[in-house]
Amino acid sequence: EASTSSEVLFIEEMSLLENFKKHP
């Protein structure tokens, strides 16, 4: 839960997986 007004950047699973492949 947001305990204050907050800004969150979400990184999707597939995007992260592709990044893992390029950058072990």
mmCIF file of all heavy atoms, coordinates in Angstrom:
data_MODEL
# 
_entry.id   MODEL 
# 
loop_
_atom_site.group_PDB 
_atom_site.id 
_atom_site.type_symbol 
_atom_site.label_atom_id 
_atom_site.label_alt_id 
_atom_site.label_comp_id 
_atom_site.label_asym_id 
_atom_site.label_entity_id 
_atom_site.label_seq_id 
_atom_site.pdbx_PDB_ins_code 
_atom_site.Cartn_x 
_atom_site.Cartn_y 
_atom_site.Cartn_z 
_atom_site.occupancy 
_atom_site.B_iso_or_equiv 
_atom_site.pdbx_formal_charge 
_atom_site.auth_seq_id 
_atom_site.auth_comp_id 
_atom_site.auth_asym_id 
_atom_site.auth_atom_id 
_atom_site.pdbx_PDB_model_num 
ATOM 1   N N   . GLU A 1 1  ? 0.839  -1.204  0.000   1.00 0.00 ? 1  GLU A N   1 
ATOM 2   C CA  . GLU A 1 1  ? 0.000  0.000   0.000   1.00 0.00 ? 1  GLU A CA  1 
ATOM 3   C C   . GLU A 1 1  ? 0.871  1.250   0.000   1.00 0.00 ? 1  GLU A C   1 
ATOM 4   O O   . GLU A 1 1  ? 1.953  1.262   0.602   1.00 0.00 ? 1  GLU A O   1 
ATOM 5   C CB  . GLU A 1 1  ? -0.891 -0.034  1.243   1.00 0.00 ? 1  GLU A CB  1 
ATOM 6   C CG  . GLU A 1 1  ? -1.857 1.119   1.380   1.00 0.00 ? 1  GLU A CG  1 
ATOM 7   C CD  . GLU A 1 1  ? -2.681 0.987   2.651   1.00 0.00 ? 1  GLU A CD  1 
ATOM 8   O OE1 . GLU A 1 1  ? -3.505 0.047   2.739   1.00 0.00 ? 1  GLU A OE1 1 
ATOM 9   O OE2 . GLU A 1 1  ? -2.491 1.821   3.566   1.00 0.00 ? 1  GLU A OE2 1 
ATOM 10  N N   . ALA A 1 2  ? 0.413  2.286   -0.666  1.00 0.00 ? 2  ALA A N   1 
ATOM 11  C CA  . ALA A 1 2  ? 1.134  3.559   -0.664  1.00 0.00 ? 2  ALA A CA  1 
ATOM 12  C C   . ALA A 1 2  ? 0.902  4.261   0.671   1.00 0.00 ? 2  ALA A C   1 
ATOM 13  O O   . ALA A 1 2  ? -0.235 4.553   1.031   1.00 0.00 ? 2  ALA A O   1 
ATOM 14  C CB  . ALA A 1 2  ? 0.661  4.440   -1.814  1.00 0.00 ? 2  ALA A CB  1 
ATOM 15  N N   . SER A 1 3  ? 1.968  4.498   1.413   1.00 0.00 ? 3  SER A N   1 
ATOM 16  C CA  . SER A 1 3  ? 1.843  5.196   2.699   1.00 0.00 ? 3  SER A CA  1 
ATOM 17  C C   . SER A 1 3  ? 1.935  6.711   2.529   1.00 0.00 ? 3  SER A C   1 
ATOM 18  O O   . SER A 1 3  ? 1.582  7.468   3.429   1.00 0.00 ? 3  SER A O   1 
ATOM 19  C CB  . SER A 1 3  ? 2.912  4.708   3.688   1.00 0.00 ? 3  SER A CB  1 
ATOM 20  O OG  . SER A 1 3  ? 4.196  4.738   3.112   1.00 0.00 ? 3  SER A OG  1 
ATOM 21  N N   . THR A 1 4  ? 2.407  7.145   1.359   1.00 0.00 ? 4  THR A N   1 
ATOM 22  C CA  . THR A 1 4  ? 2.383  8.557   0.967   1.00 0.00 ? 4  THR A CA  1 
ATOM 23  C C   . THR A 1 4  ? 2.093  8.588   -0.528  1.00 0.00 ? 4  THR A C   1 
ATOM 24  O O   . THR A 1 4  ? 2.088  7.547   -1.188  1.00 0.00 ? 4  THR A O   1 
ATOM 25  C CB  . THR A 1 4  ? 3.735  9.257   1.225   1.00 0.00 ? 4  THR A CB  1 
ATOM 26  O OG1 . THR A 1 4  ? 4.730  8.687   0.356   1.00 0.00 ? 4  THR A OG1 1 
ATOM 27  C CG2 . THR A 1 4  ? 4.180  9.113   2.666   1.00 0.00 ? 4  THR A CG2 1 
ATOM 28  N N   . SER A 1 5  ? 1.869  9.747   -1.072  1.00 0.00 ? 5  SER A N   1 
ATOM 29  C CA  . SER A 1 5  ? 1.758  9.866   -2.522  1.00 0.00 ? 5  SER A CA  1 
ATOM 30  C C   . SER A 1 5  ? 3.065  9.363   -3.133  1.00 0.00 ? 5  SER A C   1 
ATOM 31  O O   . SER A 1 5  ? 4.144  9.805   -2.732  1.00 0.00 ? 5  SER A O   1 
ATOM 32  C CB  . SER A 1 5  ? 1.508  11.323  -2.909  1.00 0.00 ? 5  SER A CB  1 
ATOM 33  O OG  . SER A 1 5  ? 1.441  11.459  -4.311  1.00 0.00 ? 5  SER A OG  1 
ATOM 34  N N   . SER A 1 6  ? 2.975  8.436   -4.073  1.00 0.00 ? 6  SER A N   1 
ATOM 35  C CA  . SER A 1 6  ? 4.189  7.764   -4.560  1.00 0.00 ? 6  SER A CA  1 
ATOM 36  C C   . SER A 1 6  ? 4.152  7.582   -6.074  1.00 0.00 ? 6  SER A C   1 
ATOM 37  O O   . SER A 1 6  ? 3.088  7.505   -6.686  1.00 0.00 ? 6  SER A O   1 
ATOM 38  C CB  . SER A 1 6  ? 4.323  6.380   -3.901  1.00 0.00 ? 6  SER A CB  1 
ATOM 39  O OG  . SER A 1 6  ? 4.319  6.483   -2.497  1.00 0.00 ? 6  SER A OG  1 
ATOM 40  N N   . GLU A 1 7  ? 5.344  7.498   -6.632  1.00 0.00 ? 7  GLU A N   1 
ATOM 41  C CA  . GLU A 1 7  ? 5.505  7.252   -8.058  1.00 0.00 ? 7  GLU A CA  1 
ATOM 42  C C   . GLU A 1 7  ? 6.337  5.986   -8.234  1.00 0.00 ? 7  GLU A C   1 
ATOM 43  O O   . GLU A 1 7  ? 7.420  5.865   -7.660  1.00 0.00 ? 7  GLU A O   1 
ATOM 44  C CB  . GLU A 1 7  ? 6.200  8.446   -8.724  1.00 0.00 ? 7  GLU A CB  1 
ATOM 45  C CG  . GLU A 1 7  ? 6.149  8.428   -10.239 1.00 0.00 ? 7  GLU A CG  1 
ATOM 46  C CD  . GLU A 1 7  ? 6.753  9.684   -10.845 1.00 0.00 ? 7  GLU A CD  1 
ATOM 47  O OE1 . GLU A 1 7  ? 7.739  10.204  -10.282 1.00 0.00 ? 7  GLU A OE1 1 
ATOM 48  O OE2 . GLU A 1 7  ? 6.255  10.139  -11.883 1.00 0.00 ? 7  GLU A OE2 1 
ATOM 49  N N   . VAL A 1 8  ? 5.805  5.043   -9.011  1.00 0.00 ? 8  VAL A N   1 
ATOM 50  C CA  . VAL A 1 8  ? 6.449  3.733   -9.171  1.00 0.00 ? 8  VAL A CA  1 
ATOM 51  C C   . VAL A 1 8  ? 6.666  3.423   -10.643 1.00 0.00 ? 8  VAL A C   1 
ATOM 52  O O   . VAL A 1 8  ? 5.761  3.589   -11.474 1.00 0.00 ? 8  VAL A O   1 
ATOM 53  C CB  . VAL A 1 8  ? 5.591  2.613   -8.541  1.00 0.00 ? 8  VAL A CB  1 
ATOM 54  C CG1 . VAL A 1 8  ? 6.249  1.245   -8.763  1.00 0.00 ? 8  VAL A CG1 1 
ATOM 55  C CG2 . VAL A 1 8  ? 5.385  2.873   -7.048  1.00 0.00 ? 8  VAL A CG2 1 
ATOM 56  N N   . LEU A 1 9  ? 7.867  2.979   -10.957 1.00 0.00 ? 9  LEU A N   1 
ATOM 57  C CA  . LEU A 1 9  ? 8.197  2.536   -12.310 1.00 0.00 ? 9  LEU A CA  1 
ATOM 58  C C   . LEU A 1 9  ? 8.149  1.009   -12.330 1.00 0.00 ? 9  LEU A C   1 
ATOM 59  O O   . LEU A 1 9  ? 8.873  0.357   -11.581 1.00 0.00 ? 9  LEU A O   1 
ATOM 60  C CB  . LEU A 1 9  ? 9.596  3.017   -12.697 1.00 0.00 ? 9  LEU A CB  1 
ATOM 61  C CG  . LEU A 1 9  ? 10.095 2.644   -14.094 1.00 0.00 ? 9  LEU A CG  1 
ATOM 62  C CD1 . LEU A 1 9  ? 9.278  3.388   -15.155 1.00 0.00 ? 9  LEU A CD1 1 
ATOM 63  C CD2 . LEU A 1 9  ? 11.567 2.991   -14.242 1.00 0.00 ? 9  LEU A CD2 1 
ATOM 64  N N   . PHE A 1 10 ? 7.271  0.437   -13.159 1.00 0.00 ? 10 PHE A N   1 
ATOM 65  C CA  . PHE A 1 10 ? 7.151  -1.012  -13.251 1.00 0.00 ? 10 PHE A CA  1 
ATOM 66  C C   . PHE A 1 10 ? 7.959  -1.543  -14.427 1.00 0.00 ? 10 PHE A C   1 
ATOM 67  O O   . PHE A 1 10 ? 7.893  -0.996  -15.532 1.00 0.00 ? 10 PHE A O   1 
ATOM 68  C CB  . PHE A 1 10 ? 5.681  -1.429  -13.406 1.00 0.00 ? 10 PHE A CB  1 
ATOM 69  C CG  . PHE A 1 10 ? 4.856  -1.205  -12.169 1.00 0.00 ? 10 PHE A CG  1 
ATOM 70  C CD1 . PHE A 1 10 ? 4.057  -0.079  -12.044 1.00 0.00 ? 10 PHE A CD1 1 
ATOM 71  C CD2 . PHE A 1 10 ? 4.910  -2.119  -11.124 1.00 0.00 ? 10 PHE A CD2 1 
ATOM 72  C CE1 . PHE A 1 10 ? 3.304  0.130   -10.899 1.00 0.00 ? 10 PHE A CE1 1 
ATOM 73  C CE2 . PHE A 1 10 ? 4.160  -1.919  -9.966  1.00 0.00 ? 10 PHE A CE2 1 
ATOM 74  C CZ  . PHE A 1 10 ? 3.356  -0.789  -9.863  1.00 0.00 ? 10 PHE A CZ  1 
ATOM 75  N N   . ILE A 1 11 ? 8.710  -2.617  -14.180 1.00 0.00 ? 11 ILE A N   1 
ATOM 76  C CA  . ILE A 1 11 ? 9.484  -3.274  -15.229 1.00 0.00 ? 11 ILE A CA  1 
ATOM 77  C C   . ILE A 1 11 ? 8.889  -4.665  -15.420 1.00 0.00 ? 11 ILE A C   1 
ATOM 78  O O   . ILE A 1 11 ? 8.915  -5.497  -14.509 1.00 0.00 ? 11 ILE A O   1 
ATOM 79  C CB  . ILE A 1 11 ? 10.973 -3.392  -14.856 1.00 0.00 ? 11 ILE A CB  1 
ATOM 80  C CG1 . ILE A 1 11 ? 11.542 -2.002  -14.553 1.00 0.00 ? 11 ILE A CG1 1 
ATOM 81  C CG2 . ILE A 1 11 ? 11.753 -4.066  -15.978 1.00 0.00 ? 11 ILE A CG2 1 
ATOM 82  C CD1 . ILE A 1 11 ? 12.975 -2.032  -14.029 1.00 0.00 ? 11 ILE A CD1 1 
ATOM 83  N N   . GLU A 1 12 ? 8.329  -4.904  -16.584 1.00 0.00 ? 12 GLU A N   1 
ATOM 84  C CA  . GLU A 1 12 ? 7.623  -6.148  -16.848 1.00 0.00 ? 12 GLU A CA  1 
ATOM 85  C C   . GLU A 1 12 ? 8.572  -7.347  -16.928 1.00 0.00 ? 12 GLU A C   1 
ATOM 86  O O   . GLU A 1 12 ? 9.745  -7.216  -17.271 1.00 0.00 ? 12 GLU A O   1 
ATOM 87  C CB  . GLU A 1 12 ? 6.820  -6.030  -18.142 1.00 0.00 ? 12 GLU A CB  1 
ATOM 88  C CG  . GLU A 1 12 ? 5.731  -4.962  -18.088 1.00 0.00 ? 12 GLU A CG  1 
ATOM 89  C CD  . GLU A 1 12 ? 4.992  -4.823  -19.398 1.00 0.00 ? 12 GLU A CD  1 
ATOM 90  O OE1 . GLU A 1 12 ? 5.315  -5.572  -20.356 1.00 0.00 ? 12 GLU A OE1 1 
ATOM 91  O OE2 . GLU A 1 12 ? 4.102  -3.950  -19.475 1.00 0.00 ? 12 GLU A OE2 1 
ATOM 92  N N   . GLU A 1 13 ? 8.012  -8.500  -16.623 1.00 0.00 ? 13 GLU A N   1 
ATOM 93  C CA  . GLU A 1 13 ? 8.789  -9.739  -16.580 1.00 0.00 ? 13 GLU A CA  1 
ATOM 94  C C   . GLU A 1 13 ? 9.545  -9.991  -17.886 1.00 0.00 ? 13 GLU A C   1 
ATOM 95  O O   . GLU A 1 13 ? 10.739 -10.300 -17.871 1.00 0.00 ? 13 GLU A O   1 
ATOM 96  C CB  . GLU A 1 13 ? 7.837  -10.904 -16.292 1.00 0.00 ? 13 GLU A CB  1 
ATOM 97  C CG  . GLU A 1 13 ? 8.501  -12.260 -16.202 1.00 0.00 ? 13 GLU A CG  1 
ATOM 98  C CD  . GLU A 1 13 ? 7.498  -13.352 -15.914 1.00 0.00 ? 13 GLU A CD  1 
ATOM 99  O OE1 . GLU A 1 13 ? 7.025  -13.442 -14.765 1.00 0.00 ? 13 GLU A OE1 1 
ATOM 100 O OE2 . GLU A 1 13 ? 7.171  -14.110 -16.855 1.00 0.00 ? 13 GLU A OE2 1 
ATOM 101 N N   . MET A 1 14 ? 8.862  -9.872  -19.030 1.00 0.00 ? 14 MET A N   1 
ATOM 102 C CA  . MET A 1 14 ? 9.498  -10.162 -20.313 1.00 0.00 ? 14 MET A CA  1 
ATOM 103 C C   . MET A 1 14 ? 10.602 -9.154  -20.628 1.00 0.00 ? 14 MET A C   1 
ATOM 104 O O   . MET A 1 14 ? 11.644 -9.520  -21.183 1.00 0.00 ? 14 MET A O   1 
ATOM 105 C CB  . MET A 1 14 ? 8.459  -10.183 -21.435 1.00 0.00 ? 14 MET A CB  1 
ATOM 106 C CG  . MET A 1 14 ? 7.524  -11.385 -21.378 1.00 0.00 ? 14 MET A CG  1 
ATOM 107 S SD  . MET A 1 14 ? 8.417  -12.970 -21.281 1.00 0.00 ? 14 MET A SD  1 
ATOM 108 C CE  . MET A 1 14 ? 9.353  -12.921 -22.815 1.00 0.00 ? 14 MET A CE  1 
ATOM 109 N N   . SER A 1 15 ? 10.378 -7.903  -20.264 1.00 0.00 ? 15 SER A N   1 
ATOM 110 C CA  . SER A 1 15 ? 11.400 -6.881  -20.481 1.00 0.00 ? 15 SER A CA  1 
ATOM 111 C C   . SER A 1 15 ? 12.644 -7.184  -19.658 1.00 0.00 ? 15 SER A C   1 
ATOM 112 O O   . SER A 1 15 ? 13.779 -7.062  -20.137 1.00 0.00 ? 15 SER A O   1 
ATOM 113 C CB  . SER A 1 15 ? 10.843 -5.510  -20.108 1.00 0.00 ? 15 SER A CB  1 
ATOM 114 O OG  . SER A 1 15 ? 11.825 -4.512  -20.252 1.00 0.00 ? 15 SER A OG  1 
ATOM 115 N N   . LEU A 1 16 ? 12.418 -7.607  -18.416 1.00 0.00 ? 16 LEU A N   1 
ATOM 116 C CA  . LEU A 1 16 ? 13.540 -7.941  -17.542 1.00 0.00 ? 16 LEU A CA  1 
ATOM 117 C C   . LEU A 1 16 ? 14.269 -9.184  -18.046 1.00 0.00 ? 16 LEU A C   1 
ATOM 118 O O   . LEU A 1 16 ? 15.506 -9.248  -18.025 1.00 0.00 ? 16 LEU A O   1 
ATOM 119 C CB  . LEU A 1 16 ? 13.023 -8.171  -16.121 1.00 0.00 ? 16 LEU A CB  1 
ATOM 120 C CG  . LEU A 1 16 ? 14.057 -8.187  -14.999 1.00 0.00 ? 16 LEU A CG  1 
ATOM 121 C CD1 . LEU A 1 16 ? 14.821 -6.880  -14.944 1.00 0.00 ? 16 LEU A CD1 1 
ATOM 122 C CD2 . LEU A 1 16 ? 13.389 -8.455  -13.657 1.00 0.00 ? 16 LEU A CD2 1 
ATOM 123 N N   . LEU A 1 17 ? 13.523 -10.159 -18.515 1.00 0.00 ? 17 LEU A N   1 
ATOM 124 C CA  . LEU A 1 17 ? 14.128 -11.384 -19.026 1.00 0.00 ? 17 LEU A CA  1 
ATOM 125 C C   . LEU A 1 17 ? 15.012 -11.100 -20.237 1.00 0.00 ? 17 LEU A C   1 
ATOM 126 O O   . LEU A 1 17 ? 16.123 -11.641 -20.348 1.00 0.00 ? 17 LEU A O   1 
ATOM 127 C CB  . LEU A 1 17 ? 13.034 -12.396 -19.388 1.00 0.00 ? 17 LEU A CB  1 
ATOM 128 C CG  . LEU A 1 17 ? 13.492 -13.792 -19.805 1.00 0.00 ? 17 LEU A CG  1 
ATOM 129 C CD1 . LEU A 1 17 ? 14.308 -14.448 -18.698 1.00 0.00 ? 17 LEU A CD1 1 
ATOM 130 C CD2 . LEU A 1 17 ? 12.298 -14.664 -20.169 1.00 0.00 ? 17 LEU A CD2 1 
ATOM 131 N N   . GLU A 1 18 ? 14.542 -10.257 -21.134 1.00 0.00 ? 18 GLU A N   1 
ATOM 132 C CA  . GLU A 1 18 ? 15.338 -9.881  -22.298 1.00 0.00 ? 18 GLU A CA  1 
ATOM 133 C C   . GLU A 1 18 ? 16.614 -9.160  -21.868 1.00 0.00 ? 18 GLU A C   1 
ATOM 134 O O   . GLU A 1 18 ? 17.677 -9.342  -22.448 1.00 0.00 ? 18 GLU A O   1 
ATOM 135 C CB  . GLU A 1 18 ? 14.513 -8.993  -23.231 1.00 0.00 ? 18 GLU A CB  1 
ATOM 136 C CG  . GLU A 1 18 ? 13.441 -9.725  -24.014 1.00 0.00 ? 18 GLU A CG  1 
ATOM 137 C CD  . GLU A 1 18 ? 14.019 -10.827 -24.887 1.00 0.00 ? 18 GLU A CD  1 
ATOM 138 O OE1 . GLU A 1 18 ? 15.035 -10.575 -25.565 1.00 0.00 ? 18 GLU A OE1 1 
ATOM 139 O OE2 . GLU A 1 18 ? 13.459 -11.942 -24.888 1.00 0.00 ? 18 GLU A OE2 1 
ATOM 140 N N   . ASN A 1 19 ? 16.489 -8.357  -20.812 1.00 0.00 ? 19 ASN A N   1 
ATOM 141 C CA  . ASN A 1 19 ? 17.656 -7.640  -20.305 1.00 0.00 ? 19 ASN A CA  1 
ATOM 142 C C   . ASN A 1 19 ? 18.661 -8.601  -19.687 1.00 0.00 ? 19 ASN A C   1 
ATOM 143 O O   . ASN A 1 19 ? 19.877 -8.427  -19.818 1.00 0.00 ? 19 ASN A O   1 
ATOM 144 C CB  . ASN A 1 19 ? 17.211 -6.598  -19.278 1.00 0.00 ? 19 ASN A CB  1 
ATOM 145 C CG  . ASN A 1 19 ? 18.219 -5.494  -19.095 1.00 0.00 ? 19 ASN A CG  1 
ATOM 146 O OD1 . ASN A 1 19 ? 19.042 -5.556  -18.185 1.00 0.00 ? 19 ASN A OD1 1 
ATOM 147 N ND2 . ASN A 1 19 ? 18.180 -4.480  -19.953 1.00 0.00 ? 19 ASN A ND2 1 
ATOM 148 N N   . PHE A 1 20 ? 18.161 -9.632  -19.013 1.00 0.00 ? 20 PHE A N   1 
ATOM 149 C CA  . PHE A 1 20 ? 19.038 -10.665 -18.449 1.00 0.00 ? 20 PHE A CA  1 
ATOM 150 C C   . PHE A 1 20 ? 19.870 -11.334 -19.548 1.00 0.00 ? 20 PHE A C   1 
ATOM 151 O O   . PHE A 1 20 ? 21.054 -11.621 -19.357 1.00 0.00 ? 20 PHE A O   1 
ATOM 152 C CB  . PHE A 1 20 ? 18.212 -11.747 -17.751 1.00 0.00 ? 20 PHE A CB  1 
ATOM 153 C CG  . PHE A 1 20 ? 17.636 -11.334 -16.419 1.00 0.00 ? 20 PHE A CG  1 
ATOM 154 C CD1 . PHE A 1 20 ? 16.741 -12.169 -15.757 1.00 0.00 ? 20 PHE A CD1 1 
ATOM 155 C CD2 . PHE A 1 20 ? 17.978 -10.134 -15.827 1.00 0.00 ? 20 PHE A CD2 1 
ATOM 156 C CE1 . PHE A 1 20 ? 16.208 -11.812 -14.531 1.00 0.00 ? 20 PHE A CE1 1 
ATOM 157 C CE2 . PHE A 1 20 ? 17.447 -9.764  -14.602 1.00 0.00 ? 20 PHE A CE2 1 
ATOM 158 C CZ  . PHE A 1 20 ? 16.559 -10.604 -13.954 1.00 0.00 ? 20 PHE A CZ  1 
ATOM 159 N N   . LYS A 1 21 ? 19.226 -11.585 -20.691 1.00 0.00 ? 21 LYS A N   1 
ATOM 160 C CA  . LYS A 1 21 ? 19.911 -12.264 -21.792 1.00 0.00 ? 21 LYS A CA  1 
ATOM 161 C C   . LYS A 1 21 ? 21.033 -11.398 -22.362 1.00 0.00 ? 21 LYS A C   1 
ATOM 162 O O   . LYS A 1 21 ? 22.110 -11.895 -22.697 1.00 0.00 ? 21 LYS A O   1 
ATOM 163 C CB  . LYS A 1 21 ? 18.905 -12.611 -22.895 1.00 0.00 ? 21 LYS A CB  1 
ATOM 164 C CG  . LYS A 1 21 ? 17.882 -13.665 -22.501 1.00 0.00 ? 21 LYS A CG  1 
ATOM 165 C CD  . LYS A 1 21 ? 16.883 -13.892 -23.627 1.00 0.00 ? 21 LYS A CD  1 
ATOM 166 C CE  . LYS A 1 21 ? 15.832 -14.920 -23.241 1.00 0.00 ? 21 LYS A CE  1 
ATOM 167 N NZ  . LYS A 1 21 ? 14.816 -15.109 -24.315 1.00 0.00 ? 21 LYS A NZ  1 
ATOM 168 N N   . LYS A 1 22 ? 20.762 -10.106 -22.456 1.00 0.00 ? 22 LYS A N   1 
ATOM 169 C CA  . LYS A 1 22 ? 21.768 -9.195  -23.023 1.00 0.00 ? 22 LYS A CA  1 
ATOM 170 C C   . LYS A 1 22 ? 22.843 -8.829  -22.003 1.00 0.00 ? 22 LYS A C   1 
ATOM 171 O O   . LYS A 1 22 ? 23.996 -8.582  -22.364 1.00 0.00 ? 22 LYS A O   1 
ATOM 172 C CB  . LYS A 1 22 ? 21.089 -7.907  -23.507 1.00 0.00 ? 22 LYS A CB  1 
ATOM 173 C CG  . LYS A 1 22 ? 20.155 -8.089  -24.683 1.00 0.00 ? 22 LYS A CG  1 
ATOM 174 C CD  . LYS A 1 22 ? 19.537 -6.741  -25.070 1.00 0.00 ? 22 LYS A CD  1 
ATOM 175 C CE  . LYS A 1 22 ? 18.563 -6.885  -26.228 1.00 0.00 ? 22 LYS A CE  1 
ATOM 176 N NZ  . LYS A 1 22 ? 17.933 -5.584  -26.569 1.00 0.00 ? 22 LYS A NZ  1 
ATOM 177 N N   . HIS A 1 23 ? 22.455 -8.829  -20.740 1.00 0.00 ? 23 HIS A N   1 
ATOM 178 C CA  . HIS A 1 23 ? 23.371 -8.385  -19.686 1.00 0.00 ? 23 HIS A CA  1 
ATOM 179 C C   . HIS A 1 23 ? 23.314 -9.381  -18.518 1.00 0.00 ? 23 HIS A C   1 
ATOM 180 O O   . HIS A 1 23 ? 22.605 -9.152  -17.536 1.00 0.00 ? 23 HIS A O   1 
ATOM 181 C CB  . HIS A 1 23 ? 22.998 -6.980  -19.210 1.00 0.00 ? 23 HIS A CB  1 
ATOM 182 C CG  . HIS A 1 23 ? 22.962 -5.959  -20.299 1.00 0.00 ? 23 HIS A CG  1 
ATOM 183 N ND1 . HIS A 1 23 ? 24.096 -5.303  -20.730 1.00 0.00 ? 23 HIS A ND1 1 
ATOM 184 C CD2 . HIS A 1 23 ? 21.937 -5.507  -21.067 1.00 0.00 ? 23 HIS A CD2 1 
ATOM 185 C CE1 . HIS A 1 23 ? 23.765 -4.474  -21.719 1.00 0.00 ? 23 HIS A CE1 1 
ATOM 186 N NE2 . HIS A 1 23 ? 22.472 -4.576  -21.935 1.00 0.00 ? 23 HIS A NE2 1 
ATOM 187 N N   . PRO A 1 24 ? 24.050 -10.483 -18.617 1.00 0.00 ? 24 PRO A N   1 
ATOM 188 C CA  . PRO A 1 24 ? 24.018 -11.521 -17.578 1.00 0.00 ? 24 PRO A CA  1 
ATOM 189 C C   . PRO A 1 24 ? 24.343 -10.997 -16.182 1.00 0.00 ? 24 PRO A C   1 
ATOM 190 O O   . PRO A 1 24 ? 23.892 -11.557 -15.183 1.00 0.00 ? 24 PRO A O   1 
ATOM 191 C CB  . PRO A 1 24 ? 25.079 -12.520 -18.054 1.00 0.00 ? 24 PRO A CB  1 
ATOM 192 C CG  . PRO A 1 24 ? 25.166 -12.309 -19.532 1.00 0.00 ? 24 PRO A CG  1 
ATOM 193 C CD  . PRO A 1 24 ? 24.929 -10.850 -19.737 1.00 0.00 ? 24 PRO A CD  1 
# 
